[in-house]
Amino acid sequence: MTAARFFNLSRRKGVQGSNTDFLICAVAVRHRLAIFSTDKDFAQYAKYLPIVLHRQTRVEQVAQADSAECHAALRLRRLARVLDTVQHPPSPGRQP
């Protein structure tokens, strides 16, 4: 019932969202929990709904950035290996 009220209230304010997002909001309000999400929609919902958003600390922000850089570096290494294999295919008797 709360999720439906949140959906209707948000629509009246011109904010659209998914049923799942409003269910998350309803559960968080009922259990007095903060919502941790990188989805920017929740910041819009917070303008009109009684939800609390988790605020990332600077340490969490740095860790998230480091993780993204690490993933990018891994993708670059994989790409380099693929390109190397394409440019220098292994000899018939050599293991890749």
C-alpha atoms as a PDB file:
ATOM      1  CA  MET A   1       0.000   0.000   0.000  1.00  0.00           C
ATOM      2  CA  THR A   2       2.824   2.452   0.870  1.00  0.00           C
ATOM      3  CA  ALA A   3       4.598   1.785  -2.440  1.00  0.00           C
ATOM      4  CA  ALA A   4       1.417   2.681  -4.332  1.00  0.00           C
ATOM      5  CA  ARG A   5       1.039   5.919  -2.345  1.00  0.00           C
ATOM      6  CA  PHE A   6       4.685   6.790  -3.069  1.00  0.00           C
ATOM      7  CA  PHE A   7       4.128   6.066  -6.763  1.00  0.00           C
ATOM      8  CA  ASN A   8       1.039   8.306  -6.907  1.00  0.00           C
ATOM      9  CA  LEU A   9       2.638  11.120  -4.909  1.00  0.00           C
ATOM     10  CA  SER A  10       5.709  11.106  -7.125  1.00  0.00           C
ATOM     11  CA  ARG A  11       3.633  11.092 -10.301  1.00  0.00           C
ATOM     12  CA  ARG A  12       1.653  14.110  -9.047  1.00  0.00           C
ATOM     13  CA  LYS A  13       4.984  15.904  -8.576  1.00  0.00           C
ATOM     14  CA  GLY A  14       6.103  14.929 -12.088  1.00  0.00           C
ATOM     15  CA  VAL A  15       8.629  12.294 -11.002  1.00  0.00           C
ATOM     16  CA  GLN A  16       8.389   8.899 -12.647  1.00  0.00           C
ATOM     17  CA  GLY A  17       9.883   5.737 -11.237  1.00  0.00           C
ATOM     18  CA  SER A  18       9.686   1.989 -11.389  1.00  0.00           C
ATOM     19  CA  ASN A  19       7.471  -0.136  -9.173  1.00  0.00           C
ATOM     20  CA  THR A  20      10.616  -1.777  -7.815  1.00  0.00           C
ATOM     21  CA  ASP A  21      12.091   1.585  -6.788  1.00  0.00           C
ATOM     22  CA  PHE A  22       8.927   2.487  -4.896  1.00  0.00           C
ATOM     23  CA  LEU A  23       8.872  -0.916  -3.200  1.00  0.00           C
ATOM     24  CA  ILE A  24      12.450  -0.277  -2.052  1.00  0.00           C
ATOM     25  CA  CYS A  25      11.362   3.120  -0.728  1.00  0.00           C
ATOM     26  CA  ALA A  26       8.382   1.623   1.099  1.00  0.00           C
ATOM     27  CA  VAL A  27      10.452  -1.117   2.774  1.00  0.00           C
ATOM     28  CA  ALA A  28      13.139   1.391   3.761  1.00  0.00           C
ATOM     29  CA  VAL A  29      10.580   3.733   5.343  1.00  0.00           C
ATOM     30  CA  ARG A  30       8.788   0.920   7.153  1.00  0.00           C
ATOM     31  CA  HIS A  31      12.027  -0.432   8.640  1.00  0.00           C
ATOM     32  CA  ARG A  32      13.654   2.988   9.121  1.00  0.00           C
ATOM     33  CA  LEU A  33      16.569   2.179   6.836  1.00  0.00           C
ATOM     34  CA  ALA A  34      18.692   4.422   4.668  1.00  0.00           C
ATOM     35  CA  ILE A  35      18.777   3.596   0.974  1.00  0.00           C
ATOM     36  CA  PHE A  36      22.234   3.010  -0.506  1.00  0.00           C
ATOM     37  CA  SER A  37      22.105   3.382  -4.275  1.00  0.00           C
ATOM     38  CA  THR A  38      24.075   4.948  -7.089  1.00  0.00           C
ATOM     39  CA  ASP A  39      20.802   5.342  -9.010  1.00  0.00           C
ATOM     40  CA  LYS A  40      20.163   9.087  -9.342  1.00  0.00           C
ATOM     41  CA  ASP A  41      16.389   8.501  -9.345  1.00  0.00           C
ATOM     42  CA  PHE A  42      16.428   8.061  -5.575  1.00  0.00           C
ATOM     43  CA  ALA A  43      17.698  11.627  -5.120  1.00  0.00           C
ATOM     44  CA  GLN A  44      14.604  12.786  -7.027  1.00  0.00           C
ATOM     45  CA  TYR A  45      12.307  10.622  -4.902  1.00  0.00           C
ATOM     46  CA  ALA A  46      13.887  12.008  -1.720  1.00  0.00           C
ATOM     47  CA  LYS A  47      12.619  15.488  -2.641  1.00  0.00           C
ATOM     48  CA  TYR A  48       9.014  14.318  -2.196  1.00  0.00           C
ATOM     49  CA  LEU A  49       9.092  11.087  -0.192  1.00  0.00           C
ATOM     50  CA  PRO A  50      10.088  10.541   3.448  1.00  0.00           C
ATOM     51  CA  ILE A  51      13.114   8.417   2.528  1.00  0.00           C
ATOM     52  CA  VAL A  52      16.649   8.727   3.860  1.00  0.00           C
ATOM     53  CA  LEU A  53      19.554   8.248   1.483  1.00  0.00           C
ATOM     54  CA  HIS A  54      22.884   6.859   2.624  1.00  0.00           C
ATOM     55  CA  ARG A  55      25.613   9.440   2.109  1.00  0.00           C
ATOM     56  CA  GLN A  56      28.936   8.050   0.936  1.00  0.00           C
ATOM     57  CA  THR A  57      31.944   8.989   2.987  1.00  0.00           C
ATOM     58  CA  ARG A  58      35.049  10.273   1.238  1.00  0.00           C
ATOM     59  CA  VAL A  59      36.755   6.928   1.906  1.00  0.00           C
ATOM     60  CA  GLU A  60      33.899   5.084   0.153  1.00  0.00           C
ATOM     61  CA  GLN A  61      34.057   7.488  -2.798  1.00  0.00           C
ATOM     62  CA  VAL A  62      37.819   6.961  -3.172  1.00  0.00           C
ATOM     63  CA  ALA A  63      37.431   3.189  -2.882  1.00  0.00           C
ATOM     64  CA  GLN A  64      34.728   3.229  -5.560  1.00  0.00           C
ATOM     65  CA  ALA A  65      36.940   5.317  -7.873  1.00  0.00           C
ATOM     66  CA  ASP A  66      39.931   3.028  -7.228  1.00  0.00           C
ATOM     67  CA  SER A  67      37.781   0.006  -8.022  1.00  0.00           C
ATOM     68  CA  ALA A  68      36.649   1.573 -11.302  1.00  0.00           C
ATOM     69  CA  GLU A  69      40.256   2.384 -12.244  1.00  0.00           C
ATOM     70  CA  CYS A  70      41.313  -1.175 -11.402  1.00  0.00           C
ATOM     71  CA  HIS A  71      38.562  -2.614 -13.607  1.00  0.00           C
ATOM     72  CA  ALA A  72      39.567  -0.274 -16.438  1.00  0.00           C
ATOM     73  CA  ALA A  73      43.201  -1.365 -16.131  1.00  0.00           C
ATOM     74  CA  LEU A  74      42.183  -5.035 -16.254  1.00  0.00           C
ATOM     75  CA  ARG A  75      40.080  -4.420 -19.363  1.00  0.00           C
ATOM     76  CA  LEU A  76      43.048  -2.676 -21.016  1.00  0.00           C
ATOM     77  CA  ARG A  77      45.354  -5.603 -20.185  1.00  0.00           C
ATOM     78  CA  ARG A  78      42.878  -8.078 -21.653  1.00  0.00           C
ATOM     79  CA  LEU A  79      42.544  -5.957 -24.779  1.00  0.00           C
ATOM     80  CA  ALA A  80      46.339  -5.744 -25.107  1.00  0.00           C
ATOM     81  CA  ARG A  81      46.577  -9.557 -24.898  1.00  0.00           C
ATOM     82  CA  VAL A  82      43.897  -9.960 -27.568  1.00  0.00           C
ATOM     83  CA  LEU A  83      45.612  -7.451 -29.851  1.00  0.00           C
ATOM     84  CA  ASP A  84      48.967  -9.114 -29.275  1.00  0.00           C
ATOM     85  CA  THR A  85      47.476 -12.495 -30.180  1.00  0.00           C
ATOM     86  CA  VAL A  86      45.926 -11.057 -33.335  1.00  0.00           C
ATOM     87  CA  GLN A  87      49.142  -9.333 -34.384  1.00  0.00           C
ATOM     88  CA  HIS A  88      51.434 -12.230 -33.420  1.00  0.00           C
ATOM     89  CA  PRO A  89      49.520 -15.511 -33.687  1.00  0.00           C
ATOM     90  CA  PRO A  90      51.212 -18.433 -31.899  1.00  0.00           C
ATOM     91  CA  SER A  91      53.357 -20.797 -33.933  1.00  0.00           C
ATOM     92  CA  PRO A  92      51.798 -24.219 -34.593  1.00  0.00           C
ATOM     93  CA  GLY A  93      54.032 -25.939 -32.012  1.00  0.00           C
ATOM     94  CA  ARG A  94      54.025 -23.095 -29.419  1.00  0.00           C
ATOM     95  CA  GLN A  95      51.617 -22.787 -26.518  1.00  0.00           C
ATOM     96  CA  PRO A  96      49.788 -19.430 -26.271  1.00  0.00           C
END
